[in-house]
N, C-alpha and C. Protein backbone atom coordinates (compact mmCIF):
# COMPACT_ATOMS: atom_id res chain seq x y z
N UNK A 1 0.28 9.63 31.22
CA UNK A 1 1.64 9.87 31.79
C UNK A 1 2.05 8.74 32.87
N UNK A 2 1.11 8.56 33.80
CA UNK A 2 1.41 7.64 34.96
C UNK A 2 1.90 6.24 34.44
N UNK A 3 1.32 5.74 33.54
CA UNK A 3 1.62 4.25 33.13
C UNK A 3 3.07 4.30 32.32
N UNK A 4 3.28 5.58 31.72
CA UNK A 4 4.76 5.86 31.06
C UNK A 4 5.86 5.85 32.08
N UNK A 5 5.42 6.60 33.11
CA UNK A 5 6.52 6.52 34.35
C UNK A 5 6.67 5.18 34.76
N UNK A 6 5.70 4.55 35.05
CA UNK A 6 5.83 3.19 35.59
C UNK A 6 6.57 2.24 34.76
N UNK A 7 6.26 2.49 33.43
CA UNK A 7 6.91 1.53 32.43
C UNK A 7 8.35 1.97 32.35
N UNK A 8 8.73 3.19 32.31
CA UNK A 8 10.11 3.58 32.23
C UNK A 8 10.82 3.07 33.41
N UNK A 9 10.13 3.19 34.62
CA UNK A 9 11.02 2.75 35.91
C UNK A 9 10.99 1.19 35.90
N UNK A 10 10.04 0.53 35.21
CA UNK A 10 10.18 -1.02 35.23
C UNK A 10 11.42 -1.27 34.35
N UNK A 11 11.58 -0.64 33.27
CA UNK A 11 12.71 -0.97 32.32
C UNK A 11 14.09 -0.67 33.18
N UNK A 12 14.05 0.36 33.85
CA UNK A 12 15.38 0.53 34.77
C UNK A 12 15.56 -0.46 35.67
N UNK A 13 14.38 -0.86 36.49
CA UNK A 13 14.40 -1.91 37.35
C UNK A 13 14.93 -3.34 36.80
N UNK A 14 14.36 -3.51 35.51
CA UNK A 14 14.92 -4.98 34.82
C UNK A 14 16.35 -4.72 34.51
N UNK A 15 16.86 -3.60 34.07
CA UNK A 15 18.24 -3.42 33.57
C UNK A 15 19.05 -3.55 34.94
N UNK A 16 18.51 -3.33 36.11
CA UNK A 16 19.40 -3.41 37.44
C UNK A 16 19.61 -4.70 37.64
N UNK A 17 18.88 -5.78 37.22
CA UNK A 17 19.18 -7.16 37.58
C UNK A 17 20.70 -7.51 37.29
N UNK A 18 21.11 -6.97 36.26
CA UNK A 18 22.47 -7.28 35.81
C UNK A 18 23.54 -6.39 36.41
N UNK A 19 23.12 -5.45 37.19
CA UNK A 19 24.14 -4.36 37.38
C UNK A 19 24.96 -4.90 38.86
N UNK A 20 25.99 -4.21 39.01
CA UNK A 20 26.82 -4.59 40.30
C UNK A 20 26.08 -4.05 41.42
N UNK A 21 25.93 -5.00 42.49
CA UNK A 21 25.29 -4.66 43.48
C UNK A 21 25.93 -3.63 44.49
N UNK A 22 27.24 -3.49 44.20
CA UNK A 22 27.97 -2.46 45.07
C UNK A 22 27.57 -1.02 44.66
N UNK A 23 27.35 -1.03 43.19
CA UNK A 23 26.99 0.26 42.67
C UNK A 23 25.55 0.71 42.43
N UNK A 24 24.73 -0.08 42.85
CA UNK A 24 23.14 0.00 42.59
C UNK A 24 22.39 -0.50 43.83
N UNK A 25 21.64 0.60 44.37
CA UNK A 25 20.66 -0.02 45.36
C UNK A 25 19.90 -0.99 44.91
N UNK A 26 18.94 -1.05 43.88
CA UNK A 26 18.31 -2.04 43.38
C UNK A 26 18.98 -3.38 43.06
N UNK A 27 20.20 -3.33 42.52
CA UNK A 27 20.91 -4.60 42.31
C UNK A 27 21.32 -5.19 43.64
N UNK A 28 21.41 -4.45 44.46
CA UNK A 28 21.73 -4.88 45.92
C UNK A 28 20.64 -5.58 46.52
N UNK A 29 19.47 -5.15 46.27
CA UNK A 29 18.16 -5.79 46.65
C UNK A 29 17.93 -7.09 45.92
N UNK A 30 18.22 -7.09 44.57
CA UNK A 30 18.06 -8.32 43.99
C UNK A 30 19.08 -9.37 44.56
N UNK A 31 20.37 -8.86 44.72
CA UNK A 31 21.38 -9.90 45.17
C UNK A 31 21.12 -10.39 46.52
N UNK A 32 20.38 -9.69 47.36
CA UNK A 32 20.07 -10.07 48.57
C UNK A 32 18.91 -11.02 48.70
N UNK A 33 18.13 -11.04 47.63
CA UNK A 33 17.15 -12.20 47.46
C UNK A 33 15.67 -11.77 47.90
N UNK A 34 14.85 -12.76 47.72
CA UNK A 34 13.49 -12.70 47.81
C UNK A 34 13.01 -12.16 49.31
N UNK A 35 13.61 -12.66 50.20
CA UNK A 35 13.30 -12.18 51.66
C UNK A 35 13.47 -10.75 51.91
N UNK A 36 14.61 -10.29 51.49
CA UNK A 36 15.01 -8.83 51.67
C UNK A 36 14.13 -7.98 50.85
N UNK A 37 13.80 -8.35 49.61
CA UNK A 37 12.87 -7.50 48.76
C UNK A 37 11.40 -7.42 49.50
N UNK A 38 10.92 -8.53 49.98
CA UNK A 38 9.79 -8.65 50.72
C UNK A 38 9.74 -7.98 51.99
N UNK A 39 10.81 -8.08 52.76
CA UNK A 39 10.92 -7.19 53.85
C UNK A 39 10.79 -5.68 53.72
N UNK A 40 11.38 -5.24 52.58
CA UNK A 40 11.26 -3.81 52.15
C UNK A 40 9.99 -3.42 51.84
N UNK A 41 9.28 -4.30 51.02
CA UNK A 41 7.82 -3.96 50.90
C UNK A 41 6.98 -3.87 52.17
N UNK A 42 7.15 -4.61 53.12
CA UNK A 42 6.57 -4.57 54.30
C UNK A 42 7.11 -3.51 55.16
N UNK A 43 8.18 -3.02 55.07
CA UNK A 43 8.62 -1.95 55.83
C UNK A 43 8.01 -0.66 55.25
N UNK A 44 7.92 -0.53 53.81
CA UNK A 44 7.48 0.71 53.16
C UNK A 44 6.02 0.70 53.33
N UNK A 45 5.31 -0.61 53.50
CA UNK A 45 3.78 -0.35 53.70
C UNK A 45 3.50 0.05 55.08
N UNK A 46 4.33 -0.35 56.08
CA UNK A 46 4.09 0.23 57.42
C UNK A 46 4.29 1.64 57.43
N UNK A 47 5.37 2.17 56.80
CA UNK A 47 5.75 3.61 56.90
C UNK A 47 4.70 4.36 56.13
N UNK A 48 4.06 3.79 55.23
CA UNK A 48 2.91 4.37 54.55
C UNK A 48 1.68 4.68 55.39
N UNK A 49 1.43 3.62 56.04
CA UNK A 49 0.32 3.60 56.83
C UNK A 49 0.54 4.63 58.13
N UNK A 50 1.63 4.62 58.64
CA UNK A 50 2.04 5.66 59.66
C UNK A 50 2.04 7.15 59.10
N UNK A 51 2.43 7.23 57.94
CA UNK A 51 2.32 8.64 57.38
C UNK A 51 0.94 9.01 57.12
N UNK A 52 0.13 8.20 56.74
CA UNK A 52 -1.37 8.46 56.55
C UNK A 52 -1.97 8.62 57.90
N UNK A 53 -1.53 8.03 58.95
CA UNK A 53 -2.19 8.23 60.39
C UNK A 53 -1.63 9.66 60.81
N UNK A 54 -0.49 9.94 60.43
CA UNK A 54 0.11 11.30 60.85
C UNK A 54 -0.70 12.58 60.29
N UNK A 55 -1.39 12.39 59.40
CA UNK A 55 -2.03 13.46 58.82
C UNK A 55 -1.11 14.48 57.91
N UNK A 56 0.04 14.08 57.68
CA UNK A 56 1.02 14.84 56.84
C UNK A 56 0.77 14.32 55.33
N UNK A 57 0.05 15.11 54.61
CA UNK A 57 -0.14 14.61 53.17
C UNK A 57 1.06 14.42 52.40
N UNK A 58 2.00 15.42 52.56
CA UNK A 58 3.32 15.41 51.77
C UNK A 58 3.97 14.23 51.94
N UNK A 59 4.13 13.92 53.39
CA UNK A 59 4.75 12.65 53.76
C UNK A 59 4.09 11.38 53.33
N UNK A 60 2.89 11.37 53.33
CA UNK A 60 2.06 10.29 52.82
C UNK A 60 2.47 10.04 51.29
N UNK A 61 2.53 11.05 50.52
CA UNK A 61 2.85 11.04 49.14
C UNK A 61 4.31 10.37 49.04
N UNK A 62 5.21 10.99 49.71
CA UNK A 62 6.58 10.48 49.76
C UNK A 62 6.70 9.07 50.05
N UNK A 63 6.11 8.55 51.18
CA UNK A 63 5.99 7.18 51.59
C UNK A 63 5.35 6.32 50.66
N UNK A 64 4.22 6.76 49.99
CA UNK A 64 3.64 5.97 49.02
C UNK A 64 4.45 5.67 47.77
N UNK A 65 5.30 6.65 47.45
CA UNK A 65 6.20 6.73 46.36
C UNK A 65 7.30 5.44 46.67
N UNK A 66 7.63 5.40 47.77
CA UNK A 66 8.73 4.50 48.34
C UNK A 66 7.94 2.99 48.21
N UNK A 67 6.69 3.00 48.64
CA UNK A 67 6.10 1.72 48.55
C UNK A 67 5.94 1.21 47.08
N UNK A 68 5.38 2.17 46.37
CA UNK A 68 5.14 1.78 44.81
C UNK A 68 6.42 1.23 44.38
N UNK A 69 7.58 2.07 44.61
CA UNK A 69 8.96 1.55 44.09
C UNK A 69 9.38 0.21 44.52
N UNK A 70 9.34 0.07 45.77
CA UNK A 70 9.68 -1.22 46.27
C UNK A 70 8.69 -2.51 45.74
N UNK A 71 7.39 -2.09 45.55
CA UNK A 71 6.52 -3.09 44.98
C UNK A 71 6.84 -3.44 43.59
N UNK A 72 7.39 -2.40 42.81
CA UNK A 72 7.76 -2.57 41.31
C UNK A 72 8.92 -3.42 41.48
N UNK A 73 9.95 -3.28 42.41
CA UNK A 73 11.13 -4.23 42.62
C UNK A 73 10.69 -5.60 42.75
N UNK A 74 9.64 -5.80 43.75
CA UNK A 74 9.20 -7.05 43.98
C UNK A 74 8.50 -7.75 42.60
N UNK A 75 7.78 -6.94 42.03
CA UNK A 75 6.98 -7.51 40.85
C UNK A 75 8.29 -7.97 39.87
N UNK A 76 9.29 -6.83 39.61
CA UNK A 76 10.29 -7.33 38.62
C UNK A 76 11.09 -8.57 39.11
N UNK A 77 11.12 -8.84 40.37
CA UNK A 77 11.72 -10.10 40.89
C UNK A 77 11.23 -11.34 40.49
N UNK A 78 9.87 -11.12 40.37
CA UNK A 78 8.93 -12.35 40.05
C UNK A 78 8.50 -12.32 38.59
N UNK A 79 9.41 -11.57 37.78
CA UNK A 79 9.03 -11.55 36.26
C UNK A 79 7.72 -10.73 35.98
N UNK A 80 7.25 -9.99 36.70
CA UNK A 80 6.11 -9.20 36.43
C UNK A 80 6.22 -7.86 36.34
N UNK A 81 5.49 -6.95 36.05
CA UNK A 81 5.63 -5.39 35.97
C UNK A 81 4.40 -4.66 36.05
N UNK A 82 4.34 -3.39 35.97
CA UNK A 82 3.29 -2.59 35.99
C UNK A 82 2.18 -2.87 35.13
N UNK A 83 2.63 -3.19 33.90
CA UNK A 83 1.57 -3.52 32.89
C UNK A 83 0.73 -4.63 33.44
N UNK A 84 1.18 -5.54 34.17
CA UNK A 84 0.43 -6.60 34.57
C UNK A 84 -0.59 -6.22 35.66
N UNK A 85 -0.13 -5.33 36.66
CA UNK A 85 -0.99 -4.84 37.53
C UNK A 85 -2.18 -3.89 37.04
N UNK A 86 -1.61 -3.07 35.90
CA UNK A 86 -2.68 -2.17 35.11
C UNK A 86 -3.64 -3.13 34.58
N UNK A 87 -3.29 -4.18 33.81
CA UNK A 87 -4.31 -5.00 33.19
C UNK A 87 -5.34 -5.69 34.23
N UNK A 88 -4.84 -6.01 35.40
CA UNK A 88 -5.61 -6.66 36.28
C UNK A 88 -6.68 -5.42 36.81
N UNK A 89 -6.23 -4.23 36.98
CA UNK A 89 -7.11 -3.22 37.54
C UNK A 89 -8.19 -2.98 36.37
N UNK A 90 -7.59 -2.95 35.08
CA UNK A 90 -8.59 -2.62 33.94
C UNK A 90 -9.62 -3.77 33.97
N UNK A 91 -9.17 -5.03 34.19
CA UNK A 91 -10.27 -6.14 34.29
C UNK A 91 -11.37 -5.97 35.24
N UNK A 92 -10.74 -5.46 36.35
CA UNK A 92 -11.74 -5.13 37.53
C UNK A 92 -12.66 -3.97 37.29
N UNK A 93 -12.31 -2.95 36.39
CA UNK A 93 -12.83 -1.85 36.33
C UNK A 93 -14.31 -1.94 36.03
N UNK A 94 -15.25 -1.26 36.70
CA UNK A 94 -16.70 -1.52 36.45
C UNK A 94 -17.42 -2.63 37.21
N UNK A 95 -16.55 -3.50 37.79
CA UNK A 95 -17.04 -4.53 38.72
C UNK A 95 -17.35 -4.12 39.99
N UNK A 96 -18.31 -4.49 40.63
CA UNK A 96 -18.57 -4.24 41.98
C UNK A 96 -17.54 -4.80 42.85
N UNK A 97 -17.04 -4.16 43.83
CA UNK A 97 -15.94 -4.71 44.78
C UNK A 97 -16.60 -6.06 45.49
N UNK A 98 -17.89 -6.11 45.80
CA UNK A 98 -18.30 -7.30 46.22
C UNK A 98 -18.48 -8.51 45.25
N UNK A 99 -18.86 -8.07 43.91
CA UNK A 99 -18.76 -9.17 43.03
C UNK A 99 -17.42 -9.72 42.74
N UNK A 100 -16.39 -8.74 42.71
CA UNK A 100 -15.02 -9.21 42.45
C UNK A 100 -14.39 -10.11 43.50
N UNK A 101 -14.78 -9.82 44.75
CA UNK A 101 -14.37 -10.51 45.89
C UNK A 101 -15.07 -12.00 45.84
N UNK A 102 -16.36 -12.01 45.58
CA UNK A 102 -17.08 -13.25 45.33
C UNK A 102 -16.41 -14.10 44.33
N UNK A 103 -16.15 -13.48 43.20
CA UNK A 103 -15.56 -14.35 42.06
C UNK A 103 -14.25 -15.02 42.61
N UNK A 104 -13.37 -14.17 43.32
CA UNK A 104 -12.13 -14.85 43.88
C UNK A 104 -12.46 -15.92 44.80
N UNK A 105 -13.25 -15.80 45.83
CA UNK A 105 -13.68 -16.71 46.74
C UNK A 105 -14.22 -18.04 46.12
N UNK A 106 -15.05 -17.81 44.99
CA UNK A 106 -15.52 -19.03 44.25
C UNK A 106 -14.37 -19.90 43.56
N UNK A 107 -13.30 -19.08 43.21
CA UNK A 107 -12.14 -19.85 42.67
C UNK A 107 -11.18 -20.54 43.69
N UNK A 108 -11.44 -20.37 44.97
CA UNK A 108 -10.48 -20.91 45.85
C UNK A 108 -10.88 -22.38 46.17
């Protein structure tokens, strides 16, 4: 179910790339460019952390949804989508976090 929702949302975000920025929030983000999209991701990440610190679990879910949404906009801007992230998570599944980090450091 979750990957279906993410895929459906990714399709909508892709379609908004050609939409009128005056009539679509997402089209407006795309029109304002990379810096605006990245700023929104940063703002939403901060709001998510603050919601977690507040102890309000419902607010945490709300802010996490905003963060995920804007992250999906960012991925779409760069020609990627949730399937790419899910594939990466699948690749890491069963790997020790220490081993995964060491493999990344070896590649630098």
